[in-house]
Amino acid sequence: MKEKYWKFLVQVRASLEYLDIYYEKSFKWDRIINIFLAISTSASIGSWIIWKELSVLWAIIIAVSQVISTMKSFLPYRVRISYIPSFSKELNELFIKCEKEWFYVSNDSLTEEQINTLLYEFKITYTGVNTGLIKCKSLPVKLGYCALAGRNAENYFKNFY
């Protein structure tokens, strides 16, 4: 039962890392698009006068920036920026509780039945967090993010255990 508890602890940590990575990448895309819109809108108007021979290019840049500006609120990463932090907070709280109880599990201070009860309660909470994520807007699984989250979780346990 101890090994099962440990695997769950690792899974929760990896999920937490995954959410953090997803948030960071979504925030990065939001920033890139905002910078593009700011530069293209202000620079294109001024450049249009200077670069008359490239006026078609500047017209395209302005048109693209207007389309992106209009669609921006419907892009999925934008929505994720708003809801990931709350789920990350819930998952982090769960991880801290699991980690605290790991001390008792690892030192054989709890019976198999007590460990099983703890694990069951934590799994219910974990399922609730995941269900909430799915109801909001499911995060597509990105294998690169999964691999990075796994490495980050591994580093966490290497540094603190």
C-alpha atoms as a PDB file:
ATOM      1  CA  MET A   1       0.000   0.000   0.000  1.00  0.00           C
ATOM      2  CA  LYS A   2       2.958   2.286   0.691  1.00  0.00           C
ATOM      3  CA  GLU A   3       4.111   1.992  -2.936  1.00  0.00           C
ATOM      4  CA  LYS A   4       0.615   2.746  -4.183  1.00  0.00           C
ATOM      5  CA  TYR A   5       0.514   5.873  -2.033  1.00  0.00           C
ATOM      6  CA  TRP A   6       3.922   6.968  -3.334  1.00  0.00           C
ATOM      7  CA  LYS A   7       2.840   6.526  -6.953  1.00  0.00           C
ATOM      8  CA  PHE A   8      -0.235   8.635  -6.292  1.00  0.00           C
ATOM      9  CA  LEU A   9       1.928  11.332  -4.692  1.00  0.00           C
ATOM     10  CA  VAL A  10       4.150  11.361  -7.792  1.00  0.00           C
ATOM     11  CA  GLN A  11       1.082  11.517 -10.058  1.00  0.00           C
ATOM     12  CA  VAL A  12      -0.342  14.508  -8.202  1.00  0.00           C
ATOM     13  CA  ARG A  13       3.016  16.297  -8.396  1.00  0.00           C
ATOM     14  CA  ALA A  14       3.310  15.588 -12.132  1.00  0.00           C
ATOM     15  CA  SER A  15      -0.239  16.876 -12.683  1.00  0.00           C
ATOM     16  CA  LEU A  16       0.610  20.023 -10.766  1.00  0.00           C
ATOM     17  CA  GLU A  17       3.728  20.516 -12.880  1.00  0.00           C
ATOM     18  CA  TYR A  18       1.653  19.941 -16.045  1.00  0.00           C
ATOM     19  CA  LEU A  19      -0.822  22.660 -15.051  1.00  0.00           C
ATOM     20  CA  ASP A  20       2.015  25.055 -14.295  1.00  0.00           C
ATOM     21  CA  ILE A  21       3.625  24.387 -17.678  1.00  0.00           C
ATOM     22  CA  TYR A  22       0.305  24.806 -19.479  1.00  0.00           C
ATOM     23  CA  TYR A  23      -0.329  28.085 -17.701  1.00  0.00           C
ATOM     24  CA  GLU A  24       3.147  29.362 -18.484  1.00  0.00           C
ATOM     25  CA  LYS A  25       2.850  28.452 -22.185  1.00  0.00           C
ATOM     26  CA  SER A  26      -0.655  29.946 -22.443  1.00  0.00           C
ATOM     27  CA  PHE A  27       0.533  33.142 -20.778  1.00  0.00           C
ATOM     28  CA  LYS A  28       3.490  33.282 -23.169  1.00  0.00           C
ATOM     29  CA  TRP A  29       1.187  33.000 -26.211  1.00  0.00           C
ATOM     30  CA  ASP A  30      -1.051  35.709 -24.817  1.00  0.00           C
ATOM     31  CA  ARG A  31       1.936  38.011 -24.349  1.00  0.00           C
ATOM     32  CA  ILE A  32       3.280  37.281 -27.869  1.00  0.00           C
ATOM     33  CA  ILE A  33      -0.069  38.049 -29.450  1.00  0.00           C
ATOM     34  CA  ASN A  34      -0.486  41.230 -27.415  1.00  0.00           C
ATOM     35  CA  ILE A  35       2.994  42.393 -28.417  1.00  0.00           C
ATOM     36  CA  PHE A  36       2.307  41.568 -32.074  1.00  0.00           C
ATOM     37  CA  LEU A  37      -0.962  43.505 -31.967  1.00  0.00           C
ATOM     38  CA  ALA A  38       0.638  46.510 -30.296  1.00  0.00           C
ATOM     39  CA  ILE A  39       3.592  46.633 -32.686  1.00  0.00           C
ATOM     40  CA  SER A  40       1.642  45.878 -35.842  1.00  0.00           C
ATOM     41  CA  THR A  41      -1.025  48.445 -35.122  1.00  0.00           C
ATOM     42  CA  SER A  42       1.281  51.305 -34.221  1.00  0.00           C
ATOM     43  CA  ALA A  43       4.273  50.500 -36.431  1.00  0.00           C
ATOM     44  CA  SER A  44       2.307  49.552 -39.519  1.00  0.00           C
ATOM     45  CA  ILE A  45       0.560  52.877 -39.775  1.00  0.00           C
ATOM     46  CA  GLY A  46       3.855  54.776 -39.546  1.00  0.00           C
ATOM     47  CA  SER A  47       5.693  52.337 -41.795  1.00  0.00           C
ATOM     48  CA  TRP A  48       3.019  52.517 -44.450  1.00  0.00           C
ATOM     49  CA  ILE A  49       4.011  56.101 -45.150  1.00  0.00           C
ATOM     50  CA  ILE A  50       7.750  55.319 -45.143  1.00  0.00           C
ATOM     51  CA  TRP A  51       7.625  52.069 -47.115  1.00  0.00           C
ATOM     52  CA  LYS A  52       5.203  52.883 -49.893  1.00  0.00           C
ATOM     53  CA  GLU A  53       6.531  50.087 -52.086  1.00  0.00           C
ATOM     54  CA  LEU A  54       5.561  47.562 -49.369  1.00  0.00           C
ATOM     55  CA  SER A  55       2.137  49.030 -48.739  1.00  0.00           C
ATOM     56  CA  VAL A  56       0.439  45.706 -49.568  1.00  0.00           C
ATOM     57  CA  LEU A  57       2.510  43.956 -46.886  1.00  0.00           C
ATOM     58  CA  TRP A  58       1.582  46.578 -44.305  1.00  0.00           C
ATOM     59  CA  ALA A  59      -2.082  46.340 -45.288  1.00  0.00           C
ATOM     60  CA  ILE A  60      -1.921  42.570 -44.747  1.00  0.00           C
ATOM     61  CA  ILE A  61      -0.243  43.010 -41.352  1.00  0.00           C
ATOM     62  CA  ILE A  62      -2.934  45.466 -40.261  1.00  0.00           C
ATOM     63  CA  ALA A  63      -5.705  43.167 -41.520  1.00  0.00           C
ATOM     64  CA  VAL A  64      -4.202  40.153 -39.738  1.00  0.00           C
ATOM     65  CA  SER A  65      -3.822  42.117 -36.516  1.00  0.00           C
ATOM     66  CA  GLN A  66      -7.472  43.188 -36.704  1.00  0.00           C
ATOM     67  CA  VAL A  67      -8.614  39.597 -37.235  1.00  0.00           C
ATOM     68  CA  ILE A  68      -6.465  38.368 -34.333  1.00  0.00           C
ATOM     69  CA  SER A  69      -7.705  41.196 -32.145  1.00  0.00           C
ATOM     70  CA  THR A  70     -11.298  40.221 -32.889  1.00  0.00           C
ATOM     71  CA  MET A  71     -10.711  36.475 -32.363  1.00  0.00           C
ATOM     72  CA  LYS A  72      -8.461  36.849 -29.316  1.00  0.00           C
ATOM     73  CA  SER A  73     -11.203  36.457 -26.740  1.00  0.00           C
ATOM     74  CA  PHE A  74     -12.272  33.164 -28.345  1.00  0.00           C
ATOM     75  CA  LEU A  75      -8.831  31.562 -28.417  1.00  0.00           C
ATOM     76  CA  PRO A  76      -8.536  28.669 -25.922  1.00  0.00           C
ATOM     77  CA  TYR A  77      -5.257  29.730 -24.318  1.00  0.00           C
ATOM     78  CA  ARG A  78      -6.864  32.997 -23.223  1.00  0.00           C
ATOM     79  CA  VAL A  79      -9.603  31.150 -21.333  1.00  0.00           C
ATOM     80  CA  ARG A  80      -7.061  28.791 -19.785  1.00  0.00           C
ATOM     81  CA  ILE A  81      -5.166  31.713 -18.282  1.00  0.00           C
ATOM     82  CA  SER A  82      -8.261  32.558 -16.268  1.00  0.00           C
ATOM     83  CA  TYR A  83      -9.111  29.110 -14.893  1.00  0.00           C
ATOM     84  CA  ILE A  84      -5.810  27.225 -14.535  1.00  0.00           C
ATOM     85  CA  PRO A  85      -4.620  29.165 -11.449  1.00  0.00           C
ATOM     86  CA  SER A  86      -7.621  28.127  -9.345  1.00  0.00           C
ATOM     87  CA  PHE A  87      -7.236  24.458 -10.261  1.00  0.00           C
ATOM     88  CA  SER A  88      -3.489  24.683  -9.735  1.00  0.00           C
ATOM     89  CA  LYS A  89      -4.120  26.085  -6.258  1.00  0.00           C
ATOM     90  CA  GLU A  90      -6.516  23.231  -5.415  1.00  0.00           C
ATOM     91  CA  LEU A  91      -4.073  20.648  -6.725  1.00  0.00           C
ATOM     92  CA  ASN A  92      -1.199  22.233  -4.822  1.00  0.00           C
ATOM     93  CA  GLU A  93      -3.207  22.108  -1.594  1.00  0.00           C
ATOM     94  CA  LEU A  94      -3.953  18.436  -2.226  1.00  0.00           C
ATOM     95  CA  PHE A  95      -0.282  17.734  -2.904  1.00  0.00           C
ATOM     96  CA  ILE A  96       0.769  19.429   0.325  1.00  0.00           C
ATOM     97  CA  LYS A  97      -1.736  17.328   2.292  1.00  0.00           C
ATOM     98  CA  CYS A  98      -0.535  14.139   0.580  1.00  0.00           C
ATOM     99  CA  GLU A  99       3.075  15.073   1.171  1.00  0.00           C
ATOM    100  CA  LYS A 100       2.409  15.742   4.857  1.00  0.00           C
ATOM    101  CA  GLU A 101       0.818  12.324   5.285  1.00  0.00           C
ATOM    102  CA  TRP A 102       3.682  10.662   3.398  1.00  0.00           C
ATOM    103  CA  PHE A 103       5.809  11.052   6.506  1.00  0.00           C
ATOM    104  CA  TYR A 104       3.432   8.777   8.440  1.00  0.00           C
ATOM    105  CA  VAL A 105       3.023   6.371   5.539  1.00  0.00           C
ATOM    106  CA  SER A 106       6.764   6.038   4.914  1.00  0.00           C
ATOM    107  CA  ASN A 107       7.574   5.533   8.611  1.00  0.00           C
ATOM    108  CA  ASP A 108       5.038   2.724   8.928  1.00  0.00           C
ATOM    109  CA  SER A 109       3.081   4.774  11.468  1.00  0.00           C
ATOM    110  CA  LEU A 110      -0.189   3.900   9.724  1.00  0.00           C
ATOM    111  CA  THR A 111      -1.874   0.588   9.109  1.00  0.00           C
ATOM    112  CA  GLU A 112      -2.651  -0.614   5.587  1.00  0.00           C
ATOM    113  CA  GLU A 113      -6.286   0.240   6.208  1.00  0.00           C
ATOM    114  CA  GLN A 114      -5.443   3.793   7.302  1.00  0.00           C
ATOM    115  CA  ILE A 115      -3.225   4.290   4.257  1.00  0.00           C
ATOM    116  CA  ASN A 116      -5.980   2.979   2.019  1.00  0.00           C
ATOM    117  CA  THR A 117      -8.507   5.363   3.608  1.00  0.00           C
ATOM    118  CA  LEU A 118      -6.157   8.324   3.148  1.00  0.00           C
ATOM    119  CA  LEU A 119      -5.463   7.369  -0.442  1.00  0.00           C
ATOM    120  CA  TYR A 120      -9.171   6.977  -1.157  1.00  0.00           C
ATOM    121  CA  GLU A 121      -9.965  10.436   0.287  1.00  0.00           C
ATOM    122  CA  PHE A 122      -7.143  12.043  -1.683  1.00  0.00           C
ATOM    123  CA  LYS A 123      -8.267  10.331  -4.889  1.00  0.00           C
ATOM    124  CA  ILE A 124     -11.769  11.725  -4.432  1.00  0.00           C
ATOM    125  CA  THR A 125     -10.325  15.241  -4.130  1.00  0.00           C
ATOM    126  CA  TYR A 126      -8.032  14.650  -7.123  1.00  0.00           C
ATOM    127  CA  THR A 127     -10.967  13.438  -9.211  1.00  0.00           C
ATOM    128  CA  GLY A 128     -12.939  16.527  -8.203  1.00  0.00           C
ATOM    129  CA  VAL A 129     -10.166  18.817  -9.403  1.00  0.00           C
ATOM    130  CA  ASN A 130      -9.900  16.947 -12.706  1.00  0.00           C
ATOM    131  CA  THR A 131     -13.674  16.974 -13.158  1.00  0.00           C
ATOM    132  CA  GLY A 132     -13.678  20.723 -12.596  1.00  0.00           C
ATOM    133  CA  LEU A 133     -11.008  21.156 -15.242  1.00  0.00           C
ATOM    134  CA  ILE A 134     -13.005  19.104 -17.727  1.00  0.00           C
ATOM    135  CA  LYS A 135     -16.178  21.098 -17.033  1.00  0.00           C
ATOM    136  CA  CYS A 136     -14.393  24.424 -17.567  1.00  0.00           C
ATOM    137  CA  LYS A 137     -12.542  23.574 -20.711  1.00  0.00           C
ATOM    138  CA  SER A 138     -10.520  20.451 -21.010  1.00  0.00           C
ATOM    139  CA  LEU A 139      -6.801  20.798 -21.464  1.00  0.00           C
ATOM    140  CA  PRO A 140      -5.643  18.821 -24.459  1.00  0.00           C
ATOM    141  CA  VAL A 141      -2.869  16.411 -23.604  1.00  0.00           C
ATOM    142  CA  LYS A 142       0.431  17.625 -25.018  1.00  0.00           C
ATOM    143  CA  LEU A 143       3.088  14.927 -24.899  1.00  0.00           C
ATOM    144  CA  GLY A 144       5.944  17.434 -24.715  1.00  0.00           C
ATOM    145  CA  TYR A 145       4.333  19.087 -21.694  1.00  0.00           C
ATOM    146  CA  CYS A 146       3.765  15.649 -20.115  1.00  0.00           C
ATOM    147  CA  ALA A 147       7.417  14.737 -20.540  1.00  0.00           C
ATOM    148  CA  LEU A 148       8.569  18.056 -19.097  1.00  0.00           C
ATOM    149  CA  ALA A 149       6.112  17.755 -16.188  1.00  0.00           C
ATOM    150  CA  GLY A 150       7.443  14.263 -15.475  1.00  0.00           C
ATOM    151  CA  ARG A 151      11.032  15.534 -15.426  1.00  0.00           C
ATOM    152  CA  ASN A 152      10.074  18.468 -13.202  1.00  0.00           C
ATOM    153  CA  ALA A 153       8.293  16.134 -10.770  1.00  0.00           C
ATOM    154  CA  GLU A 154      11.278  13.804 -10.780  1.00  0.00           C
ATOM    155  CA  ASN A 155      13.590  16.732 -10.006  1.00  0.00           C
ATOM    156  CA  TYR A 156      11.294  17.835  -7.208  1.00  0.00           C
ATOM    157  CA  PHE A 157      11.475  14.448  -5.517  1.00  0.00           C
ATOM    158  CA  LYS A 158      15.194  14.179  -6.157  1.00  0.00           C
ATOM    159  CA  ASN A 159      15.761  17.541  -4.447  1.00  0.00           C
ATOM    160  CA  PHE A 160      13.428  17.084  -1.506  1.00  0.00           C
ATOM    161  CA  TYR A 161      13.455  13.335  -0.778  1.00  0.00           C
END
